[in-house]
Amino acid sequence: MQILALKTRLSVLWIFMAVAMSAHSVLAFMDKEMVEQMWGMEMGAGMMLFMAIFWWVPLVMAVLSVTLKDSANRWANMILGIVFTVLNIFHLVEHLTTAVSAHQILIIGSTVVVTALIFCYALKWPKQAV
Protein backbone atom coordinates (compact mmCIF):
# COMPACT_ATOMS: atom_id res chain seq x y z
CA MET A 1 0.00 0.00 0.00
CA GLN A 2 2.91 2.34 0.72
CA ILE A 3 4.10 2.16 -2.90
CA LEU A 4 0.61 2.89 -4.27
CA ALA A 5 0.38 5.98 -2.05
CA LEU A 6 3.80 7.14 -3.25
CA LYS A 7 2.89 6.59 -6.90
CA THR A 8 -0.37 8.50 -6.41
CA ARG A 9 1.46 11.34 -4.67
CA LEU A 10 3.96 11.60 -7.54
CA SER A 11 1.17 11.55 -10.11
CA VAL A 12 -0.71 14.35 -8.33
CA LEU A 13 2.47 16.44 -8.13
CA TRP A 14 3.03 16.05 -11.90
CA ILE A 15 -0.60 17.07 -12.54
CA PHE A 16 -0.05 20.09 -10.28
CA MET A 17 2.99 20.97 -12.40
CA ALA A 18 0.98 20.81 -15.65
CA VAL A 19 -1.87 22.89 -14.21
CA ALA A 20 0.55 25.47 -12.78
CA MET A 21 2.21 25.82 -16.19
CA SER A 22 -1.23 26.31 -17.75
CA ALA A 23 -2.07 28.98 -15.17
CA HIS A 24 1.30 30.65 -15.80
CA SER A 25 0.58 30.86 -19.53
CA VAL A 26 -2.96 32.17 -19.06
CA LEU A 27 -1.85 34.78 -16.53
CA ALA A 28 1.02 35.82 -18.81
CA PHE A 29 -1.43 36.60 -21.62
CA MET A 30 -3.65 38.55 -19.22
CA ASP A 31 -0.75 40.66 -17.93
CA LYS A 32 -0.23 43.67 -20.23
CA GLU A 33 3.45 44.03 -19.29
CA MET A 34 4.13 40.34 -19.96
CA VAL A 35 2.37 40.49 -23.33
CA GLU A 36 4.54 43.46 -24.35
CA GLN A 37 7.68 41.52 -23.38
CA MET A 38 6.50 38.42 -25.28
CA TRP A 39 5.96 40.39 -28.49
CA GLY A 40 9.66 41.17 -28.43
CA MET A 41 10.43 37.44 -28.41
CA GLU A 42 10.24 35.43 -31.62
CA MET A 43 7.60 32.73 -31.18
CA GLY A 44 8.49 30.39 -34.04
CA ALA A 45 7.64 26.75 -34.65
CA GLY A 46 10.69 25.55 -32.69
CA MET A 47 9.74 27.55 -29.60
CA MET A 48 6.14 26.36 -29.82
CA LEU A 49 7.31 22.74 -30.05
CA PHE A 50 9.59 23.20 -27.03
CA MET A 51 6.71 24.70 -25.03
CA ALA A 52 4.37 21.87 -26.08
CA ILE A 53 6.88 19.22 -25.01
CA PHE A 54 7.58 21.08 -21.76
CA TRP A 55 3.82 21.01 -21.09
CA TRP A 56 3.32 17.43 -22.28
CA VAL A 57 6.05 15.77 -20.17
CA PRO A 58 4.37 16.37 -16.77
CA LEU A 59 1.11 14.92 -18.11
CA VAL A 60 2.91 11.83 -19.41
CA MET A 61 4.78 11.51 -16.11
CA ALA A 62 1.48 11.65 -14.21
CA VAL A 63 0.39 8.53 -16.10
CA LEU A 64 3.77 6.81 -15.95
CA SER A 65 4.04 7.42 -12.20
CA VAL A 66 1.17 5.03 -11.60
CA THR A 67 1.96 2.52 -14.36
CA LEU A 68 5.75 2.01 -14.48
CA LYS A 69 7.53 -0.69 -12.51
CA ASP A 70 9.11 0.56 -9.30
CA SER A 71 12.75 0.85 -10.41
CA ALA A 72 11.96 2.58 -13.72
CA ASN A 73 9.42 4.79 -11.95
CA ARG A 74 11.96 5.87 -9.35
CA TRP A 75 14.63 6.73 -11.94
CA ALA A 76 12.23 8.54 -14.30
CA ASN A 77 10.89 10.68 -11.46
CA MET A 78 14.36 11.42 -10.08
CA ILE A 79 15.81 12.41 -13.46
CA LEU A 80 12.85 14.47 -14.69
CA GLY A 81 12.25 15.90 -11.22
CA ILE A 82 15.76 17.34 -11.08
CA VAL A 83 15.68 18.49 -14.73
CA PHE A 84 12.39 20.33 -14.23
CA THR A 85 13.58 21.78 -10.91
CA VAL A 86 16.67 23.25 -12.58
CA LEU A 87 14.65 24.56 -15.56
CA ASN A 88 12.06 26.11 -13.24
CA ILE A 89 14.77 27.76 -11.13
CA PHE A 90 16.19 29.37 -14.29
CA HIS A 91 12.66 30.44 -15.26
CA LEU A 92 12.09 31.92 -11.80
CA VAL A 93 15.39 33.84 -11.92
CA GLU A 94 14.48 35.14 -15.39
CA HIS A 95 11.16 36.47 -14.07
CA LEU A 96 12.78 37.97 -11.00
CA THR A 97 15.24 39.92 -13.16
CA THR A 98 12.83 41.07 -15.90
CA ALA A 99 9.24 41.49 -14.77
CA VAL A 100 8.44 41.06 -11.13
CA SER A 101 4.76 40.25 -10.86
CA ALA A 102 3.64 38.57 -7.65
CA HIS A 103 1.23 36.18 -9.35
CA GLN A 104 3.88 34.88 -11.77
CA ILE A 105 6.47 34.51 -9.00
CA LEU A 106 3.92 32.56 -6.94
CA ILE A 107 3.12 30.17 -9.80
CA ILE A 108 6.73 29.65 -10.92
CA GLY A 109 7.96 29.37 -7.34
CA SER A 110 5.37 26.68 -6.66
CA THR A 111 6.61 24.67 -9.67
CA VAL A 112 10.13 24.78 -8.22
CA VAL A 113 8.84 23.40 -4.91
CA VAL A 114 6.67 20.74 -6.58
CA THR A 115 9.42 19.42 -8.83
CA ALA A 116 11.86 19.39 -5.92
CA LEU A 117 9.30 17.36 -3.96
CA ILE A 118 9.01 14.94 -6.89
CA PHE A 119 12.77 14.44 -6.83
CA CYS A 120 12.81 14.00 -3.03
CA TYR A 121 9.95 11.47 -3.01
CA ALA A 122 11.62 9.46 -5.78
CA LEU A 123 14.96 9.62 -3.97
CA LYS A 124 13.37 8.25 -0.78
CA TRP A 125 11.66 5.36 -2.62
CA PRO A 126 11.31 2.37 -0.24
CA LYS A 127 14.29 0.01 -0.58
CA GLN A 128 12.25 -3.22 -0.72
CA ALA A 129 10.36 -1.94 -3.77
CA VAL A 130 13.41 -1.11 -5.90
C-alpha atoms as a PDB file:
ATOM      1  CA  MET A   1       0.000   0.000   0.000  1.00  0.00           C
ATOM      2  CA  GLN A   2       2.907   2.344   0.717  1.00  0.00           C
ATOM      3  CA  ILE A   3       4.097   2.157  -2.902  1.00  0.00           C
ATOM      4  CA  LEU A   4       0.613   2.886  -4.268  1.00  0.00           C
ATOM      5  CA  ALA A   5       0.377   5.979  -2.050  1.00  0.00           C
ATOM      6  CA  LEU A   6       3.798   7.143  -3.247  1.00  0.00           C
ATOM      7  CA  LYS A   7       2.889   6.594  -6.905  1.00  0.00           C
ATOM      8  CA  THR A   8      -0.371   8.498  -6.412  1.00  0.00           C
ATOM      9  CA  ARG A   9       1.456  11.340  -4.672  1.00  0.00           C
ATOM     10  CA  LEU A  10       3.957  11.605  -7.540  1.00  0.00           C
ATOM     11  CA  SER A  11       1.169  11.548 -10.114  1.00  0.00           C
ATOM     12  CA  VAL A  12      -0.705  14.348  -8.328  1.00  0.00           C
ATOM     13  CA  LEU A  13       2.466  16.441  -8.132  1.00  0.00           C
ATOM     14  CA  TRP A  14       3.029  16.048 -11.899  1.00  0.00           C
ATOM     15  CA  ILE A  15      -0.596  17.066 -12.541  1.00  0.00           C
ATOM     16  CA  PHE A  16      -0.051  20.095 -10.282  1.00  0.00           C
ATOM     17  CA  MET A  17       2.993  20.970 -12.397  1.00  0.00           C
ATOM     18  CA  ALA A  18       0.977  20.810 -15.647  1.00  0.00           C
ATOM     19  CA  VAL A  19      -1.869  22.886 -14.208  1.00  0.00           C
ATOM     20  CA  ALA A  20       0.554  25.465 -12.784  1.00  0.00           C
ATOM     21  CA  MET A  21       2.211  25.816 -16.195  1.00  0.00           C
ATOM     22  CA  SER A  22      -1.230  26.309 -17.749  1.00  0.00           C
ATOM     23  CA  ALA A  23      -2.067  28.982 -15.174  1.00  0.00           C
ATOM     24  CA  HIS A  24       1.295  30.647 -15.801  1.00  0.00           C
ATOM     25  CA  SER A  25       0.582  30.855 -19.533  1.00  0.00           C
ATOM     26  CA  VAL A  26      -2.958  32.172 -19.063  1.00  0.00           C
ATOM     27  CA  LEU A  27      -1.847  34.776 -16.532  1.00  0.00           C
ATOM     28  CA  ALA A  28       1.021  35.822 -18.814  1.00  0.00           C
ATOM     29  CA  PHE A  29      -1.434  36.598 -21.617  1.00  0.00           C
ATOM     30  CA  MET A  30      -3.655  38.553 -19.219  1.00  0.00           C
ATOM     31  CA  ASP A  31      -0.747  40.663 -17.930  1.00  0.00           C
ATOM     32  CA  LYS A  32      -0.230  43.670 -20.229  1.00  0.00           C
ATOM     33  CA  GLU A  33       3.454  44.035 -19.293  1.00  0.00           C
ATOM     34  CA  MET A  34       4.131  40.343 -19.957  1.00  0.00           C
ATOM     35  CA  VAL A  35       2.372  40.495 -23.334  1.00  0.00           C
ATOM     36  CA  GLU A  36       4.544  43.461 -24.350  1.00  0.00           C
ATOM     37  CA  GLN A  37       7.679  41.519 -23.384  1.00  0.00           C
ATOM     38  CA  MET A  38       6.501  38.423 -25.276  1.00  0.00           C
ATOM     39  CA  TRP A  39       5.960  40.387 -28.486  1.00  0.00           C
ATOM     40  CA  GLY A  40       9.658  41.172 -28.428  1.00  0.00           C
ATOM     41  CA  MET A  41      10.428  37.442 -28.414  1.00  0.00           C
ATOM     42  CA  GLU A  42      10.237  35.426 -31.617  1.00  0.00           C
ATOM     43  CA  MET A  43       7.596  32.732 -31.178  1.00  0.00           C
ATOM     44  CA  GLY A  44       8.492  30.395 -34.042  1.00  0.00           C
ATOM     45  CA  ALA A  45       7.639  26.752 -34.647  1.00  0.00           C
ATOM     46  CA  GLY A  46      10.686  25.547 -32.689  1.00  0.00           C
ATOM     47  CA  MET A  47       9.741  27.551 -29.600  1.00  0.00           C
ATOM     48  CA  MET A  48       6.137  26.364 -29.820  1.00  0.00           C
ATOM     49  CA  LEU A  49       7.314  22.735 -30.052  1.00  0.00           C
ATOM     50  CA  PHE A  50       9.589  23.204 -27.030  1.00  0.00           C
ATOM     51  CA  MET A  51       6.708  24.698 -25.035  1.00  0.00           C
ATOM     52  CA  ALA A  52       4.367  21.872 -26.078  1.00  0.00           C
ATOM     53  CA  ILE A  53       6.882  19.220 -25.012  1.00  0.00           C
ATOM     54  CA  PHE A  54       7.579  21.078 -21.760  1.00  0.00           C
ATOM     55  CA  TRP A  55       3.815  21.011 -21.093  1.00  0.00           C
ATOM     56  CA  TRP A  56       3.316  17.430 -22.279  1.00  0.00           C
ATOM     57  CA  VAL A  57       6.047  15.773 -20.174  1.00  0.00           C
ATOM     58  CA  PRO A  58       4.366  16.370 -16.771  1.00  0.00           C
ATOM     59  CA  LEU A  59       1.112  14.916 -18.110  1.00  0.00           C
ATOM     60  CA  VAL A  60       2.910  11.831 -19.407  1.00  0.00           C
ATOM     61  CA  MET A  61       4.782  11.511 -16.112  1.00  0.00           C
ATOM     62  CA  ALA A  62       1.483  11.648 -14.207  1.00  0.00           C
ATOM     63  CA  VAL A  63       0.388   8.528 -16.096  1.00  0.00           C
ATOM     64  CA  LEU A  64       3.773   6.812 -15.951  1.00  0.00           C
ATOM     65  CA  SER A  65       4.036   7.425 -12.198  1.00  0.00           C
ATOM     66  CA  VAL A  66       1.167   5.031 -11.603  1.00  0.00           C
ATOM     67  CA  THR A  67       1.956   2.522 -14.363  1.00  0.00           C
ATOM     68  CA  LEU A  68       5.750   2.009 -14.484  1.00  0.00           C
ATOM     69  CA  LYS A  69       7.534  -0.687 -12.513  1.00  0.00           C
ATOM     70  CA  ASP A  70       9.115   0.564  -9.303  1.00  0.00           C
ATOM     71  CA  SER A  71      12.746   0.845 -10.407  1.00  0.00           C
ATOM     72  CA  ALA A  72      11.957   2.580 -13.719  1.00  0.00           C
ATOM     73  CA  ASN A  73       9.424   4.792 -11.951  1.00  0.00           C
ATOM     74  CA  ARG A  74      11.964   5.869  -9.350  1.00  0.00           C
ATOM     75  CA  TRP A  75      14.627   6.729 -11.941  1.00  0.00           C
ATOM     76  CA  ALA A  76      12.234   8.537 -14.303  1.00  0.00           C
ATOM     77  CA  ASN A  77      10.893  10.677 -11.457  1.00  0.00           C
ATOM     78  CA  MET A  78      14.359  11.424 -10.076  1.00  0.00           C
ATOM     79  CA  ILE A  79      15.806  12.411 -13.462  1.00  0.00           C
ATOM     80  CA  LEU A  80      12.852  14.466 -14.689  1.00  0.00           C
ATOM     81  CA  GLY A  81      12.248  15.903 -11.224  1.00  0.00           C
ATOM     82  CA  ILE A  82      15.763  17.344 -11.081  1.00  0.00           C
ATOM     83  CA  VAL A  83      15.685  18.486 -14.734  1.00  0.00           C
ATOM     84  CA  PHE A  84      12.394  20.334 -14.233  1.00  0.00           C
ATOM     85  CA  THR A  85      13.578  21.783 -10.913  1.00  0.00           C
ATOM     86  CA  VAL A  86      16.667  23.250 -12.583  1.00  0.00           C
ATOM     87  CA  LEU A  87      14.654  24.565 -15.558  1.00  0.00           C
ATOM     88  CA  ASN A  88      12.063  26.106 -13.236  1.00  0.00           C
ATOM     89  CA  ILE A  89      14.775  27.760 -11.134  1.00  0.00           C
ATOM     90  CA  PHE A  90      16.194  29.371 -14.290  1.00  0.00           C
ATOM     91  CA  HIS A  91      12.664  30.436 -15.263  1.00  0.00           C
ATOM     92  CA  LEU A  92      12.091  31.917 -11.803  1.00  0.00           C
ATOM     93  CA  VAL A  93      15.394  33.835 -11.924  1.00  0.00           C
ATOM     94  CA  GLU A  94      14.478  35.135 -15.392  1.00  0.00           C
ATOM     95  CA  HIS A  95      11.157  36.468 -14.074  1.00  0.00           C
ATOM     96  CA  LEU A  96      12.779  37.974 -11.001  1.00  0.00           C
ATOM     97  CA  THR A  97      15.236  39.915 -13.158  1.00  0.00           C
ATOM     98  CA  THR A  98      12.833  41.073 -15.899  1.00  0.00           C
ATOM     99  CA  ALA A  99       9.244  41.486 -14.770  1.00  0.00           C
ATOM    100  CA  VAL A 100       8.438  41.060 -11.128  1.00  0.00           C
ATOM    101  CA  SER A 101       4.759  40.245 -10.860  1.00  0.00           C
ATOM    102  CA  ALA A 102       3.642  38.570  -7.651  1.00  0.00           C
ATOM    103  CA  HIS A 103       1.225  36.181  -9.348  1.00  0.00           C
ATOM    104  CA  GLN A 104       3.881  34.876 -11.766  1.00  0.00           C
ATOM    105  CA  ILE A 105       6.471  34.508  -8.998  1.00  0.00           C
ATOM    106  CA  LEU A 106       3.920  32.562  -6.938  1.00  0.00           C
ATOM    107  CA  ILE A 107       3.125  30.172  -9.802  1.00  0.00           C
ATOM    108  CA  ILE A 108       6.727  29.650 -10.923  1.00  0.00           C
ATOM    109  CA  GLY A 109       7.957  29.368  -7.342  1.00  0.00           C
ATOM    110  CA  SER A 110       5.368  26.678  -6.664  1.00  0.00           C
ATOM    111  CA  THR A 111       6.612  24.673  -9.667  1.00  0.00           C
ATOM    112  CA  VAL A 112      10.129  24.776  -8.220  1.00  0.00           C
ATOM    113  CA  VAL A 113       8.839  23.404  -4.914  1.00  0.00           C
ATOM    114  CA  VAL A 114       6.666  20.742  -6.579  1.00  0.00           C
ATOM    115  CA  THR A 115       9.417  19.415  -8.832  1.00  0.00           C
ATOM    116  CA  ALA A 116      11.865  19.393  -5.919  1.00  0.00           C
ATOM    117  CA  LEU A 117       9.298  17.356  -3.964  1.00  0.00           C
ATOM    118  CA  ILE A 118       9.005  14.936  -6.894  1.00  0.00           C
ATOM    119  CA  PHE A 119      12.770  14.441  -6.828  1.00  0.00           C
ATOM    120  CA  CYS A 120      12.814  13.997  -3.027  1.00  0.00           C
ATOM    121  CA  TYR A 121       9.945  11.472  -3.013  1.00  0.00           C
ATOM    122  CA  ALA A 122      11.619   9.464  -5.784  1.00  0.00           C
ATOM    123  CA  LEU A 123      14.965   9.621  -3.973  1.00  0.00           C
ATOM    124  CA  LYS A 124      13.366   8.248  -0.781  1.00  0.00           C
ATOM    125  CA  TRP A 125      11.659   5.359  -2.617  1.00  0.00           C
ATOM    126  CA  PRO A 126      11.310   2.370  -0.235  1.00  0.00           C
ATOM    127  CA  LYS A 127      14.293   0.009  -0.584  1.00  0.00           C
ATOM    128  CA  GLN A 128      12.252  -3.223  -0.717  1.00  0.00           C
ATOM    129  CA  ALA A 129      10.365  -1.940  -3.772  1.00  0.00           C
ATOM    130  CA  VAL A 130      13.410  -1.107  -5.903  1.00  0.00           C
END
